[in-house]
Amino acid sequence: MFLHFEIIISQIILNQNIRKTIKEECKDTIENSDRCLLVKGEFIENDTLFFTQEFLKKRLTKYGQPLRNTTIFLEPSKDSHYYTQEYWIEHLGGEFWKEQLLYWNQKRKEKSHGSLQKVNTFGLPIDWIPLHFYKGVPCAYVPCEVDVPVQRRLSDSLLIYRYLEVDFTPLEKSDKLSESLYHFAFAATDWSSAGDLYIHIIDKKTKAAVWEYHYQDEEEYILMIPVESVSSFDLIVCNAPYQKYFGNQQELFDKVDVKALLEEARSGKRKNLFN
């Protein structure tokens, strides 16, 4: 089954950058099986811009209609709890990560590892989330499980990563190389090698940054924003309250060469994330 509708949107009600890029409404049925009806595209229902909706045919509402499980949509309200710092800090693990840290420290003592080093973070934000692009517009993302790249926390002794669990990487030293560039050396762990992290602030207003990792034989570039700046961006939400969504959520976003973006910022070709 395949549906296709095109509707010219004459007025843009919400002042959102992503919303402004949408000139046509497309609604395509990608899958219509015995289990579910999965719809992808760009379509507006009750003034909410959706990218994906999944209906579970074998689970019905009290009105006898297929239950809607997954929705991926543009958050229409800046008053949403998704825009609060508290939501993102809790999303990192809340009390769970503190419990994991106690357990991790106990294991370090059992293995006779030394005490953690205290390093200067130079006033950099603590909690960071990845930044994505949708049709050239930067946006934050609320995943139904874990975002890729992962959310992370920069403390005065640890880099903390939020996967399905919480992982800890000890910091060994830090340097402020310029007003927009910071260096952190981190130790090897059971799951990663030692290396260096360079944080390049490429947008003064939002403190958006490229996190440049250097390991022995590889390098990695990740675009991050502090949670305190999330309200400066459009926000796409994936919600799947009844059962796990198995679709590839990352297909929604642009493929961005973050290293090239960093070079543009350093050369002055890019003044901020919005040009």
C-alpha atoms as a PDB file:
ATOM      1  CA  MET A   1       0.000   0.000   0.000  1.00  0.00           C
ATOM      2  CA  PHE A   2       1.446   3.382  -0.948  1.00  0.00           C
ATOM      3  CA  LEU A   3      -0.075   6.787  -0.277  1.00  0.00           C
ATOM      4  CA  HIS A   4       1.215  10.111  -1.521  1.00  0.00           C
ATOM      5  CA  PHE A   5      -0.241  13.552  -0.873  1.00  0.00           C
ATOM      6  CA  GLU A   6       1.206  16.959  -1.696  1.00  0.00           C
ATOM      7  CA  ILE A   7      -0.235  20.039   0.015  1.00  0.00           C
ATOM      8  CA  ILE A   8       1.249  23.514  -0.326  1.00  0.00           C
ATOM      9  CA  ILE A   9       1.459  25.087   3.131  1.00  0.00           C
ATOM     10  CA  SER A  10       0.517  28.730   2.717  1.00  0.00           C
ATOM     11  CA  GLN A  11       1.309  29.954   6.226  1.00  0.00           C
ATOM     12  CA  ILE A  12       3.935  28.898   8.717  1.00  0.00           C
ATOM     13  CA  ILE A  13       2.369  29.296  12.147  1.00  0.00           C
ATOM     14  CA  LEU A  14       5.324  28.389  14.356  1.00  0.00           C
ATOM     15  CA  ASN A  15       8.569  30.352  14.235  1.00  0.00           C
ATOM     16  CA  GLN A  16      10.842  27.316  13.887  1.00  0.00           C
ATOM     17  CA  ASN A  17      13.707  26.942  11.447  1.00  0.00           C
ATOM     18  CA  ILE A  18      12.867  23.378  10.436  1.00  0.00           C
ATOM     19  CA  ARG A  19       9.210  24.223   9.984  1.00  0.00           C
ATOM     20  CA  LYS A  20      10.219  27.010   7.623  1.00  0.00           C
ATOM     21  CA  THR A  21      12.056  24.547   5.386  1.00  0.00           C
ATOM     22  CA  ILE A  22       8.949  22.408   4.833  1.00  0.00           C
ATOM     23  CA  LYS A  23       7.003  23.639   1.806  1.00  0.00           C
ATOM     24  CA  GLU A  24       5.221  20.419   0.877  1.00  0.00           C
ATOM     25  CA  GLU A  25       3.463  17.758   2.881  1.00  0.00           C
ATOM     26  CA  CYS A  26       4.447  14.220   1.915  1.00  0.00           C
ATOM     27  CA  LYS A  27       2.949  11.156   3.566  1.00  0.00           C
ATOM     28  CA  ASP A  28       4.301   7.803   2.423  1.00  0.00           C
ATOM     29  CA  THR A  29       3.288   4.397   3.772  1.00  0.00           C
ATOM     30  CA  ILE A  30       6.595   2.564   4.059  1.00  0.00           C
ATOM     31  CA  GLU A  31       5.263  -0.643   5.609  1.00  0.00           C
ATOM     32  CA  ASN A  32       1.770  -2.098   5.919  1.00  0.00           C
ATOM     33  CA  SER A  33       2.130  -5.554   7.462  1.00  0.00           C
ATOM     34  CA  ASP A  34       0.002  -7.706   9.704  1.00  0.00           C
ATOM     35  CA  ARG A  35       1.898  -6.284  12.678  1.00  0.00           C
ATOM     36  CA  CYS A  36       2.088  -2.572  12.005  1.00  0.00           C
ATOM     37  CA  LEU A  37       1.384   0.360   9.730  1.00  0.00           C
ATOM     38  CA  LEU A  38       4.537   2.491   9.483  1.00  0.00           C
ATOM     39  CA  VAL A  39       4.215   5.931   7.894  1.00  0.00           C
ATOM     40  CA  LYS A  40       7.181   8.172   7.078  1.00  0.00           C
ATOM     41  CA  GLY A  41       7.490  11.525   5.364  1.00  0.00           C
ATOM     42  CA  GLU A  42       6.777  15.112   6.346  1.00  0.00           C
ATOM     43  CA  PHE A  43       3.181  15.580   7.370  1.00  0.00           C
ATOM     44  CA  ILE A  44       1.247  17.842   9.692  1.00  0.00           C
ATOM     45  CA  GLU A  45      -1.572  16.665  11.938  1.00  0.00           C
ATOM     46  CA  ASN A  46      -3.222  19.136  14.308  1.00  0.00           C
ATOM     47  CA  ASP A  47      -0.365  21.550  13.604  1.00  0.00           C
ATOM     48  CA  THR A  48       2.374  19.106  14.722  1.00  0.00           C
ATOM     49  CA  LEU A  49       5.010  18.265  12.127  1.00  0.00           C
ATOM     50  CA  PHE A  50       5.580  14.482  12.052  1.00  0.00           C
ATOM     51  CA  PHE A  51       8.357  12.512  10.387  1.00  0.00           C
ATOM     52  CA  THR A  52       7.346   8.984  11.435  1.00  0.00           C
ATOM     53  CA  GLN A  53       4.278   7.338  12.946  1.00  0.00           C
ATOM     54  CA  GLU A  54       3.941   3.625  13.667  1.00  0.00           C
ATOM     55  CA  PHE A  55       0.566   2.026  14.406  1.00  0.00           C
ATOM     56  CA  LEU A  56       0.405  -1.422  16.059  1.00  0.00           C
ATOM     57  CA  LYS A  57      -2.358  -3.366  14.363  1.00  0.00           C
ATOM     58  CA  LYS A  58      -2.553  -6.111  16.967  1.00  0.00           C
ATOM     59  CA  ARG A  59      -2.941  -3.633  19.818  1.00  0.00           C
ATOM     60  CA  LEU A  60      -6.130  -1.601  19.602  1.00  0.00           C
ATOM     61  CA  THR A  61      -7.340   1.493  21.382  1.00  0.00           C
ATOM     62  CA  LYS A  62     -10.631   1.460  23.269  1.00  0.00           C
ATOM     63  CA  TYR A  63     -12.197   2.791  20.062  1.00  0.00           C
ATOM     64  CA  GLY A  64     -11.021  -0.273  18.099  1.00  0.00           C
ATOM     65  CA  GLN A  65      -8.309   1.597  16.175  1.00  0.00           C
ATOM     66  CA  PRO A  66      -4.662   0.486  15.866  1.00  0.00           C
ATOM     67  CA  LEU A  67      -2.608   1.779  18.779  1.00  0.00           C
ATOM     68  CA  ARG A  68      -0.083   4.443  17.848  1.00  0.00           C
ATOM     69  CA  ASN A  69       3.280   3.433  19.269  1.00  0.00           C
ATOM     70  CA  THR A  70       6.100   5.399  17.652  1.00  0.00           C
ATOM     71  CA  THR A  71       6.020   9.092  16.809  1.00  0.00           C
ATOM     72  CA  ILE A  72       8.965  11.131  15.582  1.00  0.00           C
ATOM     73  CA  PHE A  73       7.963  14.783  15.493  1.00  0.00           C
ATOM     74  CA  LEU A  74       9.123  18.382  15.759  1.00  0.00           C
ATOM     75  CA  GLU A  75       8.408  19.578  19.305  1.00  0.00           C
ATOM     76  CA  PRO A  76       5.887  22.432  18.825  1.00  0.00           C
ATOM     77  CA  SER A  77       6.296  24.102  22.232  1.00  0.00           C
ATOM     78  CA  LYS A  78       9.309  25.784  23.800  1.00  0.00           C
ATOM     79  CA  ASP A  79       7.525  25.210  27.130  1.00  0.00           C
ATOM     80  CA  SER A  80       7.939  21.444  26.747  1.00  0.00           C
ATOM     81  CA  HIS A  81       9.846  19.646  29.501  1.00  0.00           C
ATOM     82  CA  TYR A  82      12.158  18.380  26.756  1.00  0.00           C
ATOM     83  CA  TYR A  83      13.613  21.889  26.608  1.00  0.00           C
ATOM     84  CA  THR A  84      14.574  21.951  30.305  1.00  0.00           C
ATOM     85  CA  GLN A  85      18.078  21.261  31.606  1.00  0.00           C
ATOM     86  CA  GLU A  86      16.564  19.061  34.311  1.00  0.00           C
ATOM     87  CA  TYR A  87      15.183  16.655  31.714  1.00  0.00           C
ATOM     88  CA  TRP A  88      18.568  16.161  30.054  1.00  0.00           C
ATOM     89  CA  ILE A  89      20.491  15.824  33.310  1.00  0.00           C
ATOM     90  CA  GLU A  90      18.046  13.177  34.469  1.00  0.00           C
ATOM     91  CA  HIS A  91      18.242  11.527  31.039  1.00  0.00           C
ATOM     92  CA  LEU A  92      21.977  10.972  31.562  1.00  0.00           C
ATOM     93  CA  GLY A  93      21.064   8.566  34.312  1.00  0.00           C
ATOM     94  CA  GLY A  94      20.031  10.616  37.336  1.00  0.00           C
ATOM     95  CA  GLU A  95      20.620   8.686  40.527  1.00  0.00           C
ATOM     96  CA  PHE A  96      21.551   5.613  38.453  1.00  0.00           C
ATOM     97  CA  TRP A  97      24.837   7.120  37.238  1.00  0.00           C
ATOM     98  CA  LYS A  98      25.767   8.058  40.813  1.00  0.00           C
ATOM     99  CA  GLU A  99      25.185   4.465  41.901  1.00  0.00           C
ATOM    100  CA  GLN A 100      27.273   3.256  38.969  1.00  0.00           C
ATOM    101  CA  LEU A 101      30.056   5.676  39.907  1.00  0.00           C
ATOM    102  CA  LEU A 102      30.202   4.263  43.456  1.00  0.00           C
ATOM    103  CA  TYR A 103      30.360   0.735  42.044  1.00  0.00           C
ATOM    104  CA  TRP A 104      33.049   1.748  39.513  1.00  0.00           C
ATOM    105  CA  ASN A 105      35.174   3.409  42.197  1.00  0.00           C
ATOM    106  CA  GLN A 106      34.906   0.297  44.357  1.00  0.00           C
ATOM    107  CA  LYS A 107      36.200  -1.817  41.465  1.00  0.00           C
ATOM    108  CA  ARG A 108      39.107   0.602  41.005  1.00  0.00           C
ATOM    109  CA  LYS A 109      40.078   0.189  44.646  1.00  0.00           C
ATOM    110  CA  GLU A 110      39.922  -3.598  44.332  1.00  0.00           C
ATOM    111  CA  LYS A 111      42.296  -3.387  41.360  1.00  0.00           C
ATOM    112  CA  SER A 112      44.582  -1.015  43.309  1.00  0.00           C
ATOM    113  CA  HIS A 113      44.169   1.838  40.838  1.00  0.00           C
ATOM    114  CA  GLY A 114      45.310   5.245  42.056  1.00  0.00           C
ATOM    115  CA  SER A 115      43.080   8.122  43.037  1.00  0.00           C
ATOM    116  CA  LEU A 116      41.372  10.147  40.339  1.00  0.00           C
ATOM    117  CA  GLN A 117      43.110  13.293  39.162  1.00  0.00           C
ATOM    118  CA  LYS A 118      41.434  16.678  39.616  1.00  0.00           C
ATOM    119  CA  VAL A 119      41.687  18.839  36.490  1.00  0.00           C
ATOM    120  CA  ASN A 120      40.578  22.343  35.602  1.00  0.00           C
ATOM    121  CA  THR A 121      37.523  22.440  33.313  1.00  0.00           C
ATOM    122  CA  PHE A 122      37.881  26.222  32.845  1.00  0.00           C
ATOM    123  CA  GLY A 123      34.185  26.905  33.385  1.00  0.00           C
ATOM    124  CA  LEU A 124      33.047  24.715  30.491  1.00  0.00           C
ATOM    125  CA  PRO A 125      29.488  23.361  30.786  1.00  0.00           C
ATOM    126  CA  ILE A 126      29.094  19.981  32.479  1.00  0.00           C
ATOM    127  CA  ASP A 127      26.296  18.269  30.536  1.00  0.00           C
ATOM    128  CA  TRP A 128      26.446  17.944  26.730  1.00  0.00           C
ATOM    129  CA  ILE A 129      24.256  16.369  24.056  1.00  0.00           C
ATOM    130  CA  PRO A 130      24.946  15.732  20.349  1.00  0.00           C
ATOM    131  CA  LEU A 131      23.711  18.183  17.740  1.00  0.00           C
ATOM    132  CA  HIS A 132      22.214  17.013  14.451  1.00  0.00           C
ATOM    133  CA  PHE A 133      21.210  18.701  11.193  1.00  0.00           C
ATOM    134  CA  TYR A 134      17.891  18.285   9.391  1.00  0.00           C
ATOM    135  CA  LYS A 135      17.869  19.743   5.857  1.00  0.00           C
ATOM    136  CA  GLY A 136      20.751  21.990   6.831  1.00  0.00           C
ATOM    137  CA  VAL A 137      19.110  23.222  10.050  1.00  0.00           C
ATOM    138  CA  PRO A 138      20.825  22.376  13.374  1.00  0.00           C
ATOM    139  CA  CYS A 139      18.586  20.561  15.849  1.00  0.00           C
ATOM    140  CA  ALA A 140      18.690  18.624  19.095  1.00  0.00           C
ATOM    141  CA  TYR A 141      17.140  15.175  19.341  1.00  0.00           C
ATOM    142  CA  VAL A 142      15.266  13.269  22.045  1.00  0.00           C
ATOM    143  CA  PRO A 143      15.678   9.557  21.243  1.00  0.00           C
ATOM    144  CA  CYS A 144      13.388   6.824  22.506  1.00  0.00           C
ATOM    145  CA  GLU A 145      16.501   5.022  23.732  1.00  0.00           C
ATOM    146  CA  VAL A 146      20.052   6.369  23.234  1.00  0.00           C
ATOM    147  CA  ASP A 147      21.208   9.039  20.803  1.00  0.00           C
ATOM    148  CA  VAL A 148      24.220   8.565  18.530  1.00  0.00           C
ATOM    149  CA  PRO A 149      26.695  10.078  19.318  1.00  0.00           C
ATOM    150  CA  VAL A 150      25.958   9.630  22.991  1.00  0.00           C
ATOM    151  CA  GLN A 151      25.202  12.200  25.635  1.00  0.00           C
ATOM    152  CA  ARG A 152      28.176  12.947  27.888  1.00  0.00           C
ATOM    153  CA  ARG A 153      29.204  14.771  31.044  1.00  0.00           C
ATOM    154  CA  LEU A 154      32.470  16.631  31.682  1.00  0.00           C
ATOM    155  CA  SER A 155      33.363  16.622  35.380  1.00  0.00           C
ATOM    156  CA  ASP A 156      36.588  17.753  37.057  1.00  0.00           C
ATOM    157  CA  SER A 157      37.948  14.196  37.016  1.00  0.00           C
ATOM    158  CA  LEU A 158      35.883  12.129  34.574  1.00  0.00           C
ATOM    159  CA  LEU A 159      34.311  11.998  31.153  1.00  0.00           C
ATOM    160  CA  ILE A 160      30.970  10.244  31.635  1.00  0.00           C
ATOM    161  CA  TYR A 161      29.182   8.606  28.695  1.00  0.00           C
ATOM    162  CA  ARG A 162      25.501   7.658  28.571  1.00  0.00           C
ATOM    163  CA  TYR A 163      25.096   4.474  26.556  1.00  0.00           C
ATOM    164  CA  LEU A 164      22.454   1.943  27.595  1.00  0.00           C
ATOM    165  CA  GLU A 165      24.581   2.003  30.740  1.00  0.00           C
ATOM    166  CA  VAL A 166      26.934   4.686  32.092  1.00  0.00           C
ATOM    167  CA  ASP A 167      30.689   4.530  31.401  1.00  0.00           C
ATOM    168  CA  PHE A 168      33.485   6.507  33.031  1.00  0.00           C
ATOM    169  CA  THR A 169      36.813   7.663  31.591  1.00  0.00           C
ATOM    170  CA  PRO A 170      39.353   9.251  33.992  1.00  0.00           C
ATOM    171  CA  LEU A 171      40.891  12.583  33.041  1.00  0.00           C
ATOM    172  CA  GLU A 172      44.622  13.061  33.595  1.00  0.00           C
ATOM    173  CA  LYS A 173      45.323  16.715  32.739  1.00  0.00           C
ATOM    174  CA  SER A 174      43.827  19.750  31.033  1.00  0.00           C
ATOM    175  CA  ASP A 175      44.976  22.912  29.256  1.00  0.00           C
ATOM    176  CA  LYS A 176      43.296  26.023  27.919  1.00  0.00           C
ATOM    177  CA  LEU A 177      44.978  26.560  24.557  1.00  0.00           C
ATOM    178  CA  SER A 178      42.957  29.636  23.518  1.00  0.00           C
ATOM    179  CA  GLU A 179      39.656  31.380  24.257  1.00  0.00           C
ATOM    180  CA  SER A 180      37.890  28.763  22.132  1.00  0.00           C
ATOM    181  CA  LEU A 181      40.069  25.647  22.442  1.00  0.00           C
ATOM    182  CA  TYR A 182      40.522  23.320  25.418  1.00  0.00           C
ATOM    183  CA  HIS A 183      42.562  20.134  25.763  1.00  0.00           C
ATOM    184  CA  PHE A 184      41.927  17.144  28.035  1.00  0.00           C
ATOM    185  CA  ALA A 185      44.101  14.030  28.243  1.00  0.00           C
ATOM    186  CA  PHE A 186      42.230  10.909  29.320  1.00  0.00           C
ATOM    187  CA  ALA A 187      43.393   7.553  30.614  1.00  0.00           C
ATOM    188  CA  ALA A 188      42.825   4.100  29.178  1.00  0.00           C
ATOM    189  CA  THR A 189      39.883   2.083  30.491  1.00  0.00           C
ATOM    190  CA  ASP A 190      38.701  -1.496  30.116  1.00  0.00           C
ATOM    191  CA  TRP A 191      36.709  -0.453  27.041  1.00  0.00           C
ATOM    192  CA  SER A 192      38.843   2.271  25.395  1.00  0.00           C
ATOM    193  CA  SER A 193      42.456   3.347  24.940  1.00  0.00           C
ATOM    194  CA  ALA A 194      44.107   6.487  26.298  1.00  0.00           C
ATOM    195  CA  GLY A 195      43.901   9.616  24.197  1.00  0.00           C
ATOM    196  CA  ASP A 196      43.272  13.325  23.935  1.00  0.00           C
ATOM    197  CA  LEU A 197      40.115  15.398  23.673  1.00  0.00           C
ATOM    198  CA  TYR A 198      40.130  18.882  22.134  1.00  0.00           C
ATOM    199  CA  ILE A 199      36.970  20.928  22.648  1.00  0.00           C
ATOM    200  CA  HIS A 200      36.604  23.651  20.005  1.00  0.00           C
ATOM    201  CA  ILE A 201      33.905  26.236  20.766  1.00  0.00           C
ATOM    202  CA  ILE A 202      32.605  27.197  17.315  1.00  0.00           C
ATOM    203  CA  ASP A 203      29.559  29.243  18.308  1.00  0.00           C
ATOM    204  CA  LYS A 204      29.977  31.770  21.129  1.00  0.00           C
ATOM    205  CA  LYS A 205      26.252  32.290  21.707  1.00  0.00           C
ATOM    206  CA  THR A 206      25.237  28.655  22.151  1.00  0.00           C
ATOM    207  CA  LYS A 207      28.690  27.281  23.105  1.00  0.00           C
ATOM    208  CA  ALA A 208      28.254  24.650  20.422  1.00  0.00           C
ATOM    209  CA  ALA A 209      31.511  22.767  20.102  1.00  0.00           C
ATOM    210  CA  VAL A 210      33.347  20.175  18.088  1.00  0.00           C
ATOM    211  CA  TRP A 211      34.772  17.475  20.346  1.00  0.00           C
ATOM    212  CA  GLU A 212      37.906  16.238  18.589  1.00  0.00           C
ATOM    213  CA  TYR A 213      39.182  12.902  19.912  1.00  0.00           C
ATOM    214  CA  HIS A 214      42.663  11.561  19.172  1.00  0.00           C
ATOM    215  CA  TYR A 215      43.556   7.969  19.942  1.00  0.00           C
ATOM    216  CA  GLN A 216      46.729   6.103  18.990  1.00  0.00           C
ATOM    217  CA  ASP A 217      45.645   5.242  15.444  1.00  0.00           C
ATOM    218  CA  GLU A 218      42.432   7.179  14.857  1.00  0.00           C
ATOM    219  CA  GLU A 219      40.608  10.459  15.301  1.00  0.00           C
ATOM    220  CA  GLU A 220      36.933  11.295  15.755  1.00  0.00           C
ATOM    221  CA  TYR A 221      34.942  14.538  15.429  1.00  0.00           C
ATOM    222  CA  ILE A 222      31.610  15.014  17.221  1.00  0.00           C
ATOM    223  CA  LEU A 223      29.323  18.053  17.251  1.00  0.00           C
ATOM    224  CA  MET A 224      27.962  18.789  20.738  1.00  0.00           C
ATOM    225  CA  ILE A 225      25.972  21.458  22.580  1.00  0.00           C
ATOM    226  CA  PRO A 226      25.587  22.050  26.319  1.00  0.00           C
ATOM    227  CA  VAL A 227      22.113  21.257  27.632  1.00  0.00           C
ATOM    228  CA  GLU A 228      21.815  24.856  28.813  1.00  0.00           C
ATOM    229  CA  SER A 229      21.610  25.873  25.124  1.00  0.00           C
ATOM    230  CA  VAL A 230      19.016  23.353  23.965  1.00  0.00           C
ATOM    231  CA  SER A 231      16.284  26.007  23.826  1.00  0.00           C
ATOM    232  CA  SER A 232      18.245  27.792  21.080  1.00  0.00           C
ATOM    233  CA  PHE A 233      17.547  24.929  18.670  1.00  0.00           C
ATOM    234  CA  ASP A 234      14.660  23.085  17.103  1.00  0.00           C
ATOM    235  CA  LEU A 235      13.994  19.799  18.868  1.00  0.00           C
ATOM    236  CA  ILE A 236      12.979  16.510  17.248  1.00  0.00           C
ATOM    237  CA  VAL A 237      11.452  13.902  19.562  1.00  0.00           C
ATOM    238  CA  CYS A 238      11.154  10.127  19.127  1.00  0.00           C
ATOM    239  CA  ASN A 239       8.550   8.649  21.440  1.00  0.00           C
ATOM    240  CA  ALA A 240       7.777   4.911  21.615  1.00  0.00           C
ATOM    241  CA  PRO A 241       5.892   4.289  24.884  1.00  0.00           C
ATOM    242  CA  TYR A 242       4.447   0.811  24.296  1.00  0.00           C
ATOM    243  CA  GLN A 243       7.193  -1.221  22.685  1.00  0.00           C
ATOM    244  CA  LYS A 244      10.651  -0.689  21.221  1.00  0.00           C
ATOM    245  CA  TYR A 245      10.881   1.046  17.859  1.00  0.00           C
ATOM    246  CA  PHE A 246      13.180  -0.930  15.552  1.00  0.00           C
ATOM    247  CA  GLY A 247      13.546   1.683  12.816  1.00  0.00           C
ATOM    248  CA  ASN A 248      16.793   3.527  12.091  1.00  0.00           C
ATOM    249  CA  GLN A 249      16.157   6.922  13.661  1.00  0.00           C
ATOM    250  CA  GLN A 250      19.452   8.335  12.390  1.00  0.00           C
ATOM    251  CA  GLU A 251      18.260   8.099   8.763  1.00  0.00           C
ATOM    252  CA  LEU A 252      16.241  11.244   9.443  1.00  0.00           C
ATOM    253  CA  PHE A 253      19.306  13.475   9.798  1.00  0.00           C
ATOM    254  CA  ASP A 254      21.816  14.919   7.340  1.00  0.00           C
ATOM    255  CA  LYS A 255      25.199  13.263   7.059  1.00  0.00           C
ATOM    256  CA  VAL A 256      27.547  16.023   8.258  1.00  0.00           C
ATOM    257  CA  ASP A 257      31.314  16.156   7.833  1.00  0.00           C
ATOM    258  CA  VAL A 258      32.068  17.546  11.290  1.00  0.00           C
ATOM    259  CA  LYS A 259      35.796  17.836  10.603  1.00  0.00           C
ATOM    260  CA  ALA A 260      35.061  20.007   7.551  1.00  0.00           C
ATOM    261  CA  LEU A 261      32.619  22.083   9.619  1.00  0.00           C
ATOM    262  CA  LEU A 262      35.390  22.657  12.174  1.00  0.00           C
ATOM    263  CA  GLU A 263      37.790  23.771   9.443  1.00  0.00           C
ATOM    264  CA  GLU A 264      35.185  26.244   8.166  1.00  0.00           C
ATOM    265  CA  ALA A 265      34.805  27.676  11.661  1.00  0.00           C
ATOM    266  CA  ARG A 266      38.547  27.934  12.237  1.00  0.00           C
ATOM    267  CA  SER A 267      39.150  29.609   8.860  1.00  0.00           C
ATOM    268  CA  GLY A 268      36.353  32.142   9.435  1.00  0.00           C
ATOM    269  CA  LYS A 269      34.161  30.851   6.589  1.00  0.00           C
ATOM    270  CA  ARG A 270      31.491  29.898   9.136  1.00  0.00           C
ATOM    271  CA  LYS A 271      30.696  32.434  11.858  1.00  0.00           C
ATOM    272  CA  ASN A 272      28.033  30.342  13.599  1.00  0.00           C
ATOM    273  CA  LEU A 273      25.936  27.218  13.130  1.00  0.00           C
ATOM    274  CA  PHE A 274      23.161  28.961  11.240  1.00  0.00           C
ATOM    275  CA  ASN A 275      25.048  30.156   8.166  1.00  0.00           C
END
